[in-house]
Amino acid sequence: MSVTAATPKLLAEPLAGGATGAVLELHPLVCGTLTAPRPFLVGEPGVRGRLRALGLLGAPRVTIPVMAWALRHPGAGWLLVDTGLHPSVAWAPRQNLGRVGAAVLRGVRLEKGWSAPERLRALGVEPDAVRAVVMTHLHLDHASALSEFDRATVVLDRREWQAAYEGKALRGYVRRQFDLAFDFRVVDFATQGRSHATFARTFDLFADGSVVLVSTPGHSAGHIAVLVRTTTGSKLLAGDAIYMRETLASGTLPAFCADEHLARRSLHELQVFARQYPDVEILPSHEPELLARYGTGAA
């Protein structure tokens, strides 16, 4: 089946609404939980490690959050980084995740009030008020609720769109989640990317330094992280460039990557950034500690 509705265009210029010195409100949203074998999140060597990553040979399982991040920009309004799980996953996971996806995402849990639209409403924000959605990548647990934000401009890496367009469920993509007649805008980091801090290729989303898209391929073909300047300090929303912060210290990649060489290069960039900017908090999308910090109650 080919994509029939989505027609992405190049994001030729930064989005409107930038403001000099802009600082954003950040609202972390726990939009579901999963369970995963710990060796899947932090790889182990050899064939045995791969088998344990698949949940075999007695590998322990870890409960992890599915994070989205709501931000309010003083000039551009509300934006979202990733979308978490679609509300329908609570009662009919195959409807959104597909048969393969529902089988792969074992232990998926989404209760009433947890989805991004519900959490935004708890903040007094209607989903239609979200002006932009930045996708770190289009894997099924990140793009699941994208359909709920039809008024937003959706921004992602050009390579990620191409990989998702050609992708299969076993590679983490469910086409129905993004086969949408939305305003998709792609960034070509090869031609548009500029260095920022210690990162080689970035894109300043509002041309004011408040939201900087960082090219971090490897987990997926066009994965990006998002560096944001918030009222509680700068944060790096790392997506799945790393699953857990301990990876920064260990240097051990997760068990499976789309491109191990690029994933290792991106991890190295994250490690260098973490050393040079220790005051910037790095927040992976599946860091278990975030469950303890933000919980799974209503936002």
Protein backbone atom coordinates (compact mmCIF):
# COMPACT_ATOMS: atom_id res chain seq x y z
CA MET A 1 0.00 0.00 0.00
CA SER A 2 1.37 3.44 -0.87
CA VAL A 3 0.92 6.68 1.01
CA THR A 4 -2.11 8.40 -0.51
CA ALA A 5 -2.76 11.44 1.68
CA ALA A 6 0.48 12.82 3.07
CA THR A 7 2.53 15.11 0.84
CA PRO A 8 5.46 16.51 2.84
CA LYS A 9 7.15 19.73 1.78
CA LEU A 10 10.56 21.10 2.65
CA LEU A 11 10.57 23.40 5.68
CA ALA A 12 12.33 26.15 3.77
CA GLU A 13 12.20 28.73 6.58
CA PRO A 14 11.81 28.67 10.36
CA LEU A 15 8.27 28.61 11.70
CA ALA A 16 6.60 31.92 12.51
CA GLY A 17 6.37 33.28 16.05
CA GLY A 18 10.01 33.38 17.10
CA ALA A 19 10.88 35.93 19.76
CA THR A 20 14.29 37.11 20.92
CA GLY A 21 15.18 35.47 24.24
CA ALA A 22 12.10 33.24 24.18
CA VAL A 23 11.79 30.79 27.08
CA LEU A 24 9.21 28.00 26.95
CA GLU A 25 6.98 26.30 29.49
CA LEU A 26 7.64 22.54 29.45
CA HIS A 27 4.97 20.01 30.42
CA PRO A 28 6.15 16.37 30.40
CA LEU A 29 3.32 14.01 29.46
CA VAL A 30 3.41 10.31 30.32
CA CYS A 31 1.20 8.98 27.51
CA GLY A 32 1.23 5.27 28.28
CA THR A 33 3.63 2.63 29.51
CA LEU A 34 5.27 -0.45 28.03
CA THR A 35 7.32 -3.30 29.38
CA ALA A 36 10.55 -4.23 27.63
CA PRO A 37 13.40 -6.67 28.31
CA ARG A 38 16.20 -4.74 29.97
CA PRO A 39 18.76 -6.07 27.41
CA PHE A 40 16.59 -4.51 24.68
CA LEU A 41 17.10 -1.10 26.27
CA VAL A 42 20.75 -1.53 27.21
CA GLY A 43 22.37 -4.03 24.87
CA GLU A 44 24.32 -7.10 25.91
CA PRO A 45 27.06 -8.70 23.78
CA GLY A 46 26.80 -11.68 21.48
CA VAL A 47 24.02 -13.96 20.34
CA ARG A 48 22.95 -14.55 23.93
CA GLY A 49 22.52 -10.81 24.38
CA ARG A 50 20.34 -10.59 21.26
CA LEU A 51 18.16 -13.45 22.48
CA ARG A 52 17.79 -11.82 25.90
CA ALA A 53 16.88 -8.55 24.16
CA LEU A 54 13.98 -10.44 22.58
CA GLY A 55 12.80 -11.47 26.04
CA LEU A 56 14.28 -14.97 26.05
CA LEU A 57 16.62 -16.75 28.48
CA GLY A 58 15.05 -15.20 31.55
CA ALA A 59 15.73 -11.56 30.70
CA PRO A 60 14.19 -9.19 33.26
CA ARG A 61 11.54 -6.77 32.03
CA VAL A 62 11.40 -3.06 32.80
CA THR A 63 8.35 -0.81 32.80
CA ILE A 64 9.04 2.29 30.74
CA PRO A 65 7.03 5.41 29.92
CA VAL A 66 5.87 6.55 26.51
CA MET A 67 6.63 10.27 26.71
CA ALA A 68 5.35 13.27 24.82
CA TRP A 69 6.34 16.83 25.64
CA ALA A 70 4.03 19.83 25.51
CA LEU A 71 5.67 23.24 25.24
CA ARG A 72 4.27 26.75 25.20
CA HIS A 73 6.30 29.26 23.24
CA PRO A 74 5.60 32.91 24.13
CA GLY A 75 5.27 33.89 20.46
CA ALA A 76 4.43 30.70 18.58
CA GLY A 77 2.00 29.15 21.04
CA TRP A 78 1.68 25.48 21.89
CA LEU A 79 3.78 22.76 20.31
CA LEU A 80 4.23 19.07 20.98
CA VAL A 81 7.27 16.82 20.71
CA ASP A 82 6.00 13.33 19.79
CA THR A 83 2.43 12.25 20.47
CA GLY A 84 2.44 9.14 22.66
CA LEU A 85 -0.23 6.46 22.32
CA HIS A 86 -3.56 7.06 20.61
CA PRO A 87 -6.60 6.97 22.93
CA SER A 88 -7.94 3.88 21.11
CA VAL A 89 -4.94 1.84 22.28
CA ALA A 90 -6.69 1.62 25.67
CA TRP A 91 -9.43 -0.66 24.30
CA ALA A 92 -8.41 -1.75 20.78
CA PRO A 93 -4.62 -1.68 20.39
CA ARG A 94 -4.61 -3.46 17.01
CA GLN A 95 -6.79 -0.74 15.52
CA ASN A 96 -3.97 1.79 15.80
CA LEU A 97 -0.81 -0.27 16.31
CA GLY A 98 -1.62 -3.04 13.83
CA ARG A 99 -1.41 -6.77 14.50
CA VAL A 100 2.38 -6.88 14.45
CA GLY A 101 2.78 -3.66 16.42
CA ALA A 102 0.38 -4.76 19.13
CA ALA A 103 2.32 -8.02 19.45
CA VAL A 104 5.70 -6.26 19.57
CA LEU A 105 4.62 -3.70 22.17
CA ARG A 106 4.03 -6.22 24.91
CA GLY A 107 2.61 -4.96 28.16
CA VAL A 108 1.26 -1.77 26.58
CA ARG A 109 -0.91 0.16 29.04
CA LEU A 110 -2.99 3.25 28.44
CA GLU A 111 -5.63 4.30 30.93
CA LYS A 112 -8.33 6.94 30.64
CA GLY A 113 -6.79 10.39 30.94
CA TRP A 114 -3.31 9.37 29.82
CA SER A 115 -3.33 10.18 26.10
CA ALA A 116 -1.79 13.43 24.87
CA PRO A 117 -5.15 15.02 23.92
CA GLU A 118 -6.56 14.20 27.37
CA ARG A 119 -3.47 15.44 29.18
CA LEU A 120 -3.51 18.67 27.18
CA ARG A 121 -7.16 19.23 28.07
CA ALA A 122 -6.20 18.73 31.72
CA LEU A 123 -3.84 21.67 31.19
CA GLY A 124 -6.69 23.70 29.71
CA VAL A 125 -5.42 23.28 26.14
CA GLU A 126 -7.51 21.88 23.27
CA PRO A 127 -5.58 19.71 20.76
CA ASP A 128 -6.60 22.15 18.00
CA ALA A 129 -4.51 24.81 19.76
CA VAL A 130 -1.28 22.90 19.07
CA ARG A 131 0.48 24.82 16.31
CA ALA A 132 3.33 22.41 15.62
CA VAL A 133 4.20 18.78 16.31
CA VAL A 134 7.88 17.85 16.14
CA MET A 135 8.40 14.14 15.57
CA THR A 136 11.68 12.74 16.85
CA HIS A 137 10.85 9.83 14.53
CA LEU A 138 7.79 7.98 13.23
CA HIS A 139 7.97 4.70 15.14
CA LEU A 140 4.58 3.43 16.20
CA ASP A 141 4.83 4.41 19.88
CA HIS A 142 5.74 8.01 18.99
CA ALA A 143 3.41 8.67 16.04
CA SER A 144 0.45 6.72 17.44
CA ALA A 145 -1.67 9.79 18.33
CA LEU A 146 -0.55 12.02 15.46
CA SER A 147 -4.02 11.88 13.91
CA GLU A 148 -5.37 13.86 16.88
CA PHE A 149 -3.48 17.02 15.85
CA ASP A 150 -4.80 17.79 12.39
CA ARG A 151 -4.41 21.58 12.74
CA ALA A 152 -0.68 21.39 13.44
CA THR A 153 2.33 21.65 11.17
CA VAL A 154 4.23 18.37 11.58
CA VAL A 155 8.02 18.71 11.42
CA LEU A 156 10.48 15.84 10.97
CA ASP A 157 13.71 14.81 9.24
CA ARG A 158 13.46 14.19 5.48
CA ARG A 159 15.26 10.85 5.82
CA GLU A 160 12.81 9.74 8.48
CA TRP A 161 9.88 10.39 6.17
CA GLN A 162 11.53 8.36 3.43
CA ALA A 163 12.29 5.48 5.81
CA ALA A 164 8.75 5.47 7.18
CA TYR A 165 7.24 5.65 3.69
CA GLU A 166 9.19 2.53 2.75
CA GLY A 167 9.09 0.97 6.21
CA LYS A 168 7.43 -2.16 7.52
CA ALA A 169 5.80 -2.96 10.84
CA LEU A 170 8.79 -5.04 11.93
CA ARG A 171 10.91 -1.90 11.53
CA GLY A 172 8.60 0.00 13.84
CA TYR A 173 6.35 1.86 11.37
CA VAL A 174 2.57 1.73 10.99
CA ARG A 175 1.64 3.69 7.90
CA ARG A 176 -1.94 4.40 8.91
CA GLN A 177 -0.59 6.56 11.75
CA PHE A 178 0.97 9.09 9.36
CA ASP A 179 -0.87 8.54 6.07
CA LEU A 180 -2.70 11.79 6.76
CA ALA A 181 -3.54 14.89 4.75
CA PHE A 182 -1.66 17.08 7.21
CA ASP A 183 0.85 19.91 6.80
CA PHE A 184 4.03 17.80 6.89
CA ARG A 185 7.30 19.75 6.68
CA VAL A 186 10.66 18.00 6.43
CA VAL A 187 14.13 19.29 7.27
CA ASP A 188 17.06 18.26 5.08
CA PHE A 189 19.92 18.39 7.55
CA ALA A 190 22.47 17.66 4.82
CA THR A 191 21.73 21.03 3.20
CA GLN A 192 20.00 23.01 5.96
CA GLY A 193 21.87 21.81 9.01
CA ARG A 194 24.06 24.22 10.98
CA SER A 195 26.35 23.54 13.93
CA HIS A 196 25.07 24.46 17.37
CA ALA A 197 26.81 23.91 20.70
CA THR A 198 28.68 20.61 20.19
CA PHE A 199 26.27 19.26 17.56
CA ALA A 200 27.23 19.16 13.90
CA ARG A 201 23.80 19.42 12.24
CA THR A 202 20.89 21.33 13.75
CA PHE A 203 17.93 23.47 12.66
CA ASP A 204 16.64 26.44 14.66
CA LEU A 205 12.88 25.89 14.49
CA PHE A 206 11.78 29.46 15.32
CA ALA A 207 15.07 31.25 14.51
CA ASP A 208 15.32 32.41 18.12
CA GLY A 209 17.37 29.62 19.72
CA SER A 210 14.49 28.40 21.88
CA VAL A 211 13.80 25.12 20.01
CA VAL A 212 16.72 23.57 18.15
CA LEU A 213 16.26 20.33 16.20
CA VAL A 214 19.34 18.11 16.44
CA SER A 215 20.12 15.43 13.87
CA THR A 216 20.75 12.17 15.78
CA PRO A 217 20.26 9.34 13.25
CA GLY A 218 20.88 5.71 14.01
CA HIS A 219 17.97 4.50 16.10
CA SER A 220 16.01 5.29 12.96
CA ALA A 221 17.15 6.71 9.65
CA GLY A 222 16.19 10.30 10.44
CA HIS A 223 15.91 10.46 14.20
CA ILE A 224 16.15 13.91 15.79
CA ALA A 225 16.51 15.20 19.34
CA VAL A 226 15.14 18.56 20.45
CA LEU A 227 17.07 21.10 22.50
CA VAL A 228 14.68 23.48 24.26
CA ARG A 229 15.18 26.54 26.47
CA THR A 230 12.62 26.31 29.26
CA THR A 231 11.63 28.14 32.41
CA THR A 232 13.40 25.41 34.42
CA GLY A 233 16.59 25.44 32.34
CA SER A 234 17.61 23.99 29.02
CA LYS A 235 16.55 20.41 28.28
CA LEU A 236 17.54 17.98 25.56
CA LEU A 237 14.56 15.83 24.63
CA ALA A 238 16.52 12.85 23.37
CA GLY A 239 13.71 10.72 21.95
CA ASP A 240 15.09 7.23 21.37
CA ALA A 241 18.65 8.28 20.51
CA ILE A 242 19.16 6.69 23.91
CA TYR A 243 16.49 4.76 25.81
CA MET A 244 18.00 5.39 29.23
CA ARG A 245 20.39 8.01 30.60
CA GLU A 246 22.75 5.32 31.84
CA THR A 247 23.69 4.77 28.19
CA LEU A 248 25.55 8.10 28.29
CA ALA A 249 27.88 6.69 30.93
CA SER A 250 28.15 3.10 29.68
CA GLY A 251 28.39 3.86 25.96
CA THR A 252 26.49 0.61 25.31
CA LEU A 253 24.04 0.89 22.44
CA PRO A 254 20.56 -0.63 22.64
CA ALA A 255 20.22 -4.08 21.15
CA PHE A 256 18.71 -3.01 17.83
CA CYS A 257 19.34 0.08 15.70
CA ALA A 258 18.48 0.95 12.12
CA ASP A 259 22.14 1.87 11.58
CA GLU A 260 24.63 0.93 14.30
CA HIS A 261 27.39 3.16 12.91
CA LEU A 262 25.17 6.25 12.90
CA ALA A 263 23.71 5.35 16.29
CA ARG A 264 27.20 5.18 17.78
CA ARG A 265 28.12 8.50 16.19
CA SER A 266 24.98 10.13 17.58
CA LEU A 267 25.65 8.64 21.01
CA HIS A 268 29.16 10.09 20.92
CA GLU A 269 27.73 13.53 20.09
CA LEU A 270 25.33 13.23 23.03
CA GLN A 271 28.17 12.21 25.34
CA VAL A 272 30.30 15.17 24.27
CA PHE A 273 27.35 17.52 24.75
CA ALA A 274 26.62 16.07 28.20
CA ARG A 275 30.22 16.64 29.29
CA GLN A 276 30.42 20.19 27.99
CA TYR A 277 26.91 21.23 29.09
CA PRO A 278 26.34 19.39 32.39
CA ASP A 279 23.57 21.81 33.40
CA VAL A 280 21.37 20.72 30.46
CA GLU A 281 19.09 17.87 31.52
CA ILE A 282 18.91 15.04 28.97
CA LEU A 283 15.48 13.41 28.87
CA PRO A 284 15.07 10.18 26.85
CA SER A 285 11.53 9.23 25.91
CA HIS A 286 11.62 5.87 27.70
CA GLU A 287 13.72 6.67 30.78
CA PRO A 288 12.12 4.60 33.62
CA GLU A 289 12.95 7.26 36.19
CA LEU A 290 10.51 9.63 34.49
CA LEU A 291 7.65 7.42 35.65
CA ALA A 292 8.63 8.01 39.24
CA ARG A 293 9.03 11.74 38.62
CA TYR A 294 5.89 12.45 36.60
CA GLY A 295 3.72 9.47 37.39
CA THR A 296 0.83 8.22 35.31
CA GLY A 297 -1.97 10.27 36.84
CA ALA A 298 -3.67 13.13 35.03
CA ALA A 299 -1.39 15.94 33.97
